[in-house]
Structures are given as C-alpha cells and as structure tokens.
Amino acid sequence: MAQLAIDRSLLQSLWNRQGGSCYYCGKPVNRREWALDYKSPPHRDGTNAVSNMAVVCRSCRLHKGDKTESEYRQWLDERKQWLDDQYRRYVVDGGARRPGQAVSAA
C-alpha cells in the first residue's frame, strides 16, 4: 500500500481540533512528539478520510498497533484495571502474600 502524504497543516488542524491532546489517552502532545493514527486502519476496512485520522502520543501509537479504535479503547480499559489491581495489591494491601498467609494488623 502506498504511503499517504500528510500535509503539515492537516496535522496541525487535527491537533488544534483535539485541543493539543492525544485522541486516545488525553495526555498533552507537543508537536515534536505527535503521530498520526488511523482510528480504523485502512487494511482493516478503514479509509484515508480525515474523519478517520487522529493525532496521538507516541505511546498510544506504539501500543495501538493495527487495532481499531474500539479494540484499543478496550485494551486501555483492561490495562487500567490491571494497573489498579496491582496498585491495590502492592500499595494498599501491603504487598504480595503467599496463599493462606494472614494479613498483619497495622
């Protein structure tokens, strides 16, 4: 598939429309670190239309890969739940315990 040439003004317009934030995670994205992403990749029935494009942070671009927007948002939700569980296990509950080990009273 041929690479689509993206005009810098289009990228700037998308960035402005999104308030300078990553389309997926909402973190601020500066112009040196932005990336263009297809919400639904063209090889998965997405189009080259501007409405299918978004400015994203490098981290989201890397982790999204060829997932669709809905697949990636589900992955983000699962990842957030996993991180919350890990925080609760190690910080709130006082760390990993062996099965059957009693929790010490603080």
N, C-alpha and C. Protein backbone atom coordinates (compact mmCIF):
# COMPACT_ATOMS: atom_id res chain seq x y z
N MET A 1 0.85 -1.17 0.00
CA MET A 1 0.00 0.00 0.00
C MET A 1 0.89 1.24 0.00
N ALA A 2 0.54 2.23 -0.77
CA ALA A 2 1.32 3.46 -0.87
C ALA A 2 1.12 4.31 0.38
N GLN A 3 2.20 4.99 0.77
CA GLN A 3 2.11 5.89 1.91
C GLN A 3 1.31 7.13 1.51
N LEU A 4 0.47 7.59 2.38
CA LEU A 4 -0.31 8.79 2.16
C LEU A 4 0.50 9.98 2.63
N ALA A 5 0.71 10.95 1.74
CA ALA A 5 1.45 12.16 2.11
C ALA A 5 0.51 13.06 2.92
N ILE A 6 0.94 13.39 4.12
CA ILE A 6 0.13 14.22 5.01
C ILE A 6 0.69 15.63 5.04
N ASP A 7 -0.13 16.58 4.70
CA ASP A 7 0.24 17.98 4.76
C ASP A 7 0.36 18.40 6.22
N ARG A 8 1.40 19.12 6.57
CA ARG A 8 1.62 19.54 7.95
C ARG A 8 0.44 20.38 8.48
N SER A 9 -0.21 21.13 7.59
CA SER A 9 -1.35 21.94 8.04
C SER A 9 -2.53 21.05 8.45
N LEU A 10 -2.67 19.89 7.82
CA LEU A 10 -3.72 18.95 8.21
C LEU A 10 -3.43 18.41 9.61
N LEU A 11 -2.19 18.04 9.84
CA LEU A 11 -1.79 17.54 11.16
C LEU A 11 -2.02 18.62 12.22
N GLN A 12 -1.66 19.85 11.90
CA GLN A 12 -1.87 20.97 12.82
C GLN A 12 -3.36 21.17 13.09
N SER A 13 -4.17 21.06 12.06
CA SER A 13 -5.62 21.23 12.20
C SER A 13 -6.22 20.15 13.11
N LEU A 14 -5.80 18.90 12.92
CA LEU A 14 -6.27 17.81 13.78
C LEU A 14 -5.83 18.04 15.22
N TRP A 15 -4.59 18.46 15.41
CA TRP A 15 -4.05 18.72 16.74
C TRP A 15 -4.85 19.81 17.43
N ASN A 16 -5.14 20.90 16.69
CA ASN A 16 -5.94 22.00 17.24
C ASN A 16 -7.35 21.53 17.61
N ARG A 17 -7.96 20.74 16.73
CA ARG A 17 -9.32 20.23 16.97
C ARG A 17 -9.38 19.40 18.24
N GLN A 18 -8.30 18.69 18.54
CA GLN A 18 -8.24 17.83 19.73
C GLN A 18 -7.71 18.59 20.95
N GLY A 19 -7.50 19.87 20.83
CA GLY A 19 -7.04 20.66 21.97
C GLY A 19 -5.60 20.37 22.36
N GLY A 20 -4.80 19.88 21.42
CA GLY A 20 -3.39 19.58 21.72
C GLY A 20 -3.19 18.33 22.55
N SER A 21 -4.22 17.48 22.60
CA SER A 21 -4.15 16.26 23.41
C SER A 21 -4.22 15.01 22.54
N CYS A 22 -3.71 13.92 23.08
CA CYS A 22 -3.79 12.63 22.40
C CYS A 22 -5.26 12.21 22.29
N TYR A 23 -5.64 11.75 21.13
CA TYR A 23 -7.02 11.34 20.88
C TYR A 23 -7.45 10.21 21.80
N TYR A 24 -6.52 9.31 22.15
CA TYR A 24 -6.88 8.13 22.94
C TYR A 24 -6.75 8.33 24.44
N CYS A 25 -5.60 8.81 24.90
CA CYS A 25 -5.38 8.89 26.36
C CYS A 25 -5.62 10.28 26.93
N GLY A 26 -5.68 11.29 26.09
CA GLY A 26 -5.95 12.64 26.55
C GLY A 26 -4.75 13.41 27.08
N LYS A 27 -3.58 12.79 27.08
CA LYS A 27 -2.38 13.48 27.56
C LYS A 27 -2.00 14.58 26.56
N PRO A 28 -1.43 15.67 27.06
CA PRO A 28 -0.96 16.72 26.14
C PRO A 28 0.11 16.15 25.20
N VAL A 29 0.04 16.55 23.93
CA VAL A 29 1.00 16.09 22.93
C VAL A 29 1.65 17.32 22.32
N ASN A 30 2.98 17.43 22.44
CA ASN A 30 3.63 18.57 21.79
C ASN A 30 3.94 18.19 20.34
N ARG A 31 4.18 19.19 19.54
CA ARG A 31 4.32 18.97 18.10
C ARG A 31 5.56 18.17 17.73
N ARG A 32 6.53 18.07 18.61
CA ARG A 32 7.71 17.26 18.29
C ARG A 32 7.46 15.78 18.53
N GLU A 33 6.41 15.45 19.29
CA GLU A 33 6.17 14.05 19.65
C GLU A 33 4.86 13.49 19.11
N TRP A 34 4.15 14.24 18.31
CA TRP A 34 2.87 13.75 17.82
C TRP A 34 3.04 12.71 16.73
N ALA A 35 2.03 11.92 16.57
CA ALA A 35 2.00 10.93 15.49
C ALA A 35 0.57 10.93 14.93
N LEU A 36 0.47 10.60 13.68
CA LEU A 36 -0.84 10.49 13.05
C LEU A 36 -1.27 9.03 13.12
N ASP A 37 -2.53 8.81 13.43
CA ASP A 37 -3.04 7.44 13.52
C ASP A 37 -4.38 7.35 12.82
N TYR A 38 -4.62 6.20 12.23
CA TYR A 38 -5.94 5.90 11.68
C TYR A 38 -6.76 5.27 12.78
N LYS A 39 -7.94 5.80 13.04
CA LYS A 39 -8.81 5.22 14.06
C LYS A 39 -9.16 3.79 13.69
N SER A 40 -9.42 3.56 12.43
CA SER A 40 -9.61 2.21 11.89
C SER A 40 -8.62 2.06 10.74
N PRO A 41 -7.62 1.19 10.89
CA PRO A 41 -6.58 1.07 9.87
C PRO A 41 -7.15 0.75 8.48
N PRO A 42 -6.57 1.36 7.42
CA PRO A 42 -7.05 1.11 6.07
C PRO A 42 -7.07 -0.38 5.69
N HIS A 43 -6.10 -1.16 6.17
CA HIS A 43 -6.09 -2.58 5.82
C HIS A 43 -7.16 -3.37 6.59
N ARG A 44 -7.86 -2.67 7.50
CA ARG A 44 -8.97 -3.30 8.22
C ARG A 44 -10.27 -2.56 7.92
N ASP A 45 -10.41 -2.19 6.67
CA ASP A 45 -11.61 -1.52 6.14
C ASP A 45 -11.75 -0.07 6.57
N GLY A 46 -10.70 0.56 7.07
CA GLY A 46 -10.73 1.99 7.36
C GLY A 46 -10.48 2.76 6.08
N THR A 47 -10.67 4.06 6.14
CA THR A 47 -10.47 4.90 4.96
C THR A 47 -9.33 5.88 5.19
N ASN A 48 -8.95 6.58 4.13
CA ASN A 48 -7.96 7.65 4.22
C ASN A 48 -8.62 8.99 4.49
N ALA A 49 -9.89 8.98 4.85
CA ALA A 49 -10.62 10.22 5.13
C ALA A 49 -10.08 10.88 6.39
N VAL A 50 -10.12 12.20 6.42
CA VAL A 50 -9.66 12.96 7.58
C VAL A 50 -10.44 12.55 8.83
N SER A 51 -11.70 12.22 8.67
CA SER A 51 -12.52 11.81 9.82
C SER A 51 -12.03 10.51 10.46
N ASN A 52 -11.17 9.76 9.76
CA ASN A 52 -10.62 8.51 10.28
C ASN A 52 -9.21 8.71 10.84
N MET A 53 -8.75 9.96 10.91
CA MET A 53 -7.40 10.27 11.38
C MET A 53 -7.44 10.98 12.71
N ALA A 54 -6.40 10.78 13.50
CA ALA A 54 -6.28 11.45 14.80
C ALA A 54 -4.81 11.66 15.12
N VAL A 55 -4.54 12.71 15.89
CA VAL A 55 -3.19 12.95 16.40
C VAL A 55 -3.09 12.24 17.74
N VAL A 56 -2.04 11.46 17.91
CA VAL A 56 -1.87 10.66 19.13
C VAL A 56 -0.45 10.80 19.68
N CYS A 57 -0.29 10.42 20.93
CA CYS A 57 1.06 10.41 21.52
C CYS A 57 1.80 9.17 21.02
N ARG A 58 3.10 9.19 21.16
CA ARG A 58 3.90 8.06 20.68
C ARG A 58 3.57 6.76 21.41
N SER A 59 3.29 6.87 22.70
CA SER A 59 2.98 5.68 23.48
C SER A 59 1.71 5.00 22.96
N CYS A 60 0.66 5.79 22.75
CA CYS A 60 -0.59 5.21 22.23
C CYS A 60 -0.39 4.65 20.83
N ARG A 61 0.38 5.34 20.01
CA ARG A 61 0.63 4.85 18.65
C ARG A 61 1.35 3.50 18.69
N LEU A 62 2.32 3.41 19.56
CA LEU A 62 3.08 2.16 19.69
C LEU A 62 2.20 1.02 20.18
N HIS A 63 1.40 1.27 21.22
CA HIS A 63 0.58 0.21 21.80
C HIS A 63 -0.64 -0.15 20.97
N LYS A 64 -1.16 0.81 20.22
CA LYS A 64 -2.36 0.54 19.43
C LYS A 64 -2.06 -0.41 18.28
N GLY A 65 -0.92 -0.23 17.63
CA GLY A 65 -0.59 -1.10 16.50
C GLY A 65 -1.67 -1.06 15.44
N ASP A 66 -2.16 -2.23 15.04
CA ASP A 66 -3.20 -2.26 13.99
C ASP A 66 -4.60 -2.51 14.56
N LYS A 67 -4.76 -2.24 15.87
CA LYS A 67 -6.09 -2.39 16.46
C LYS A 67 -7.01 -1.29 15.94
N THR A 68 -8.30 -1.55 15.95
CA THR A 68 -9.26 -0.50 15.66
C THR A 68 -9.40 0.38 16.90
N GLU A 69 -10.07 1.50 16.75
CA GLU A 69 -10.26 2.39 17.90
C GLU A 69 -10.96 1.66 19.05
N SER A 70 -12.03 0.93 18.75
CA SER A 70 -12.76 0.24 19.83
C SER A 70 -11.92 -0.85 20.48
N GLU A 71 -11.14 -1.57 19.69
CA GLU A 71 -10.26 -2.60 20.26
C GLU A 71 -9.21 -1.97 21.18
N TYR A 72 -8.65 -0.85 20.74
CA TYR A 72 -7.63 -0.19 21.55
C TYR A 72 -8.22 0.39 22.83
N ARG A 73 -9.38 1.00 22.73
CA ARG A 73 -10.01 1.56 23.94
C ARG A 73 -10.34 0.44 24.94
N GLN A 74 -10.74 -0.72 24.46
CA GLN A 74 -10.98 -1.86 25.34
C GLN A 74 -9.67 -2.29 25.99
N TRP A 75 -8.59 -2.35 25.21
CA TRP A 75 -7.27 -2.70 25.74
C TRP A 75 -6.85 -1.70 26.81
N LEU A 76 -7.08 -0.39 26.56
CA LEU A 76 -6.73 0.63 27.56
C LEU A 76 -7.51 0.42 28.85
N ASP A 77 -8.80 0.12 28.73
CA ASP A 77 -9.63 -0.13 29.93
C ASP A 77 -9.12 -1.33 30.71
N GLU A 78 -8.77 -2.40 30.00
CA GLU A 78 -8.24 -3.60 30.66
C GLU A 78 -6.90 -3.31 31.31
N ARG A 79 -6.07 -2.54 30.65
CA ARG A 79 -4.75 -2.18 31.19
C ARG A 79 -4.92 -1.33 32.45
N LYS A 80 -5.84 -0.38 32.43
CA LYS A 80 -6.10 0.46 33.59
C LYS A 80 -6.57 -0.39 34.77
N GLN A 81 -7.45 -1.35 34.52
CA GLN A 81 -7.94 -2.22 35.58
C GLN A 81 -6.80 -3.04 36.16
N TRP A 82 -5.93 -3.58 35.29
CA TRP A 82 -4.78 -4.36 35.74
C TRP A 82 -3.87 -3.50 36.62
N LEU A 83 -3.59 -2.27 36.19
CA LEU A 83 -2.73 -1.38 36.97
C LEU A 83 -3.37 -1.03 38.32
N ASP A 84 -4.69 -0.78 38.30
CA ASP A 84 -5.40 -0.51 39.56
C ASP A 84 -5.29 -1.70 40.50
N ASP A 85 -5.46 -2.91 39.96
CA ASP A 85 -5.35 -4.13 40.78
C ASP A 85 -3.95 -4.27 41.37
N GLN A 86 -2.93 -3.99 40.55
CA GLN A 86 -1.55 -4.10 41.02
C GLN A 86 -1.28 -3.06 42.11
N TYR A 87 -1.77 -1.85 41.94
CA TYR A 87 -1.60 -0.81 42.96
C TYR A 87 -2.25 -1.23 44.27
N ARG A 88 -3.48 -1.71 44.17
CA ARG A 88 -4.21 -2.14 45.37
C ARG A 88 -3.47 -3.29 46.05
N ARG A 89 -2.97 -4.22 45.27
CA ARG A 89 -2.29 -5.39 45.83
C ARG A 89 -0.99 -5.02 46.54
N TYR A 90 -0.18 -4.19 45.92
CA TYR A 90 1.14 -3.92 46.45
C TYR A 90 1.23 -2.70 47.35
N VAL A 91 0.38 -1.72 47.13
CA VAL A 91 0.47 -0.50 47.92
C VAL A 91 -0.59 -0.48 49.02
N VAL A 92 -1.82 -0.67 48.65
CA VAL A 92 -2.92 -0.59 49.61
C VAL A 92 -2.91 -1.79 50.55
N ASP A 93 -2.78 -3.00 49.99
CA ASP A 93 -2.86 -4.22 50.80
C ASP A 93 -1.51 -4.64 51.40
N GLY A 94 -0.46 -3.90 51.14
CA GLY A 94 0.81 -4.19 51.78
C GLY A 94 1.70 -5.19 51.09
N GLY A 95 1.51 -5.43 49.83
CA GLY A 95 2.42 -6.30 49.10
C GLY A 95 1.90 -7.70 48.88
N ALA A 96 2.67 -8.43 48.15
CA ALA A 96 2.29 -9.80 47.80
C ALA A 96 2.38 -10.70 49.03
N ARG A 97 1.45 -11.61 49.15
CA ARG A 97 1.45 -12.58 50.24
C ARG A 97 1.32 -13.97 49.65
N ARG A 98 1.84 -14.91 50.38
CA ARG A 98 1.64 -16.31 49.97
C ARG A 98 0.21 -16.71 50.24
N PRO A 99 -0.32 -17.63 49.46
CA PRO A 99 -1.70 -18.09 49.71
C PRO A 99 -1.85 -18.57 51.16
N GLY A 100 -2.89 -18.13 51.80
CA GLY A 100 -3.15 -18.53 53.18
C GLY A 100 -2.45 -17.72 54.23
N GLN A 101 -1.54 -16.85 53.82
CA GLN A 101 -0.81 -16.03 54.78
C GLN A 101 -1.74 -14.96 55.33
N ALA A 102 -1.74 -14.79 56.63
CA ALA A 102 -2.60 -13.81 57.26
C ALA A 102 -2.09 -12.40 57.01
N VAL A 103 -3.02 -11.46 56.96
CA VAL A 103 -2.68 -10.06 56.81
C VAL A 103 -2.39 -9.53 58.20
N SER A 104 -1.22 -8.90 58.36
CA SER A 104 -0.89 -8.37 59.68
C SER A 104 -1.68 -7.10 59.94
N ALA A 105 -2.10 -6.93 61.18
CA ALA A 105 -2.87 -5.74 61.57
C ALA A 105 -1.91 -4.57 61.72
N ALA A 106 -2.33 -3.44 61.20
CA ALA A 106 -1.47 -2.26 61.27
C ALA A 106 -1.79 -1.43 62.49
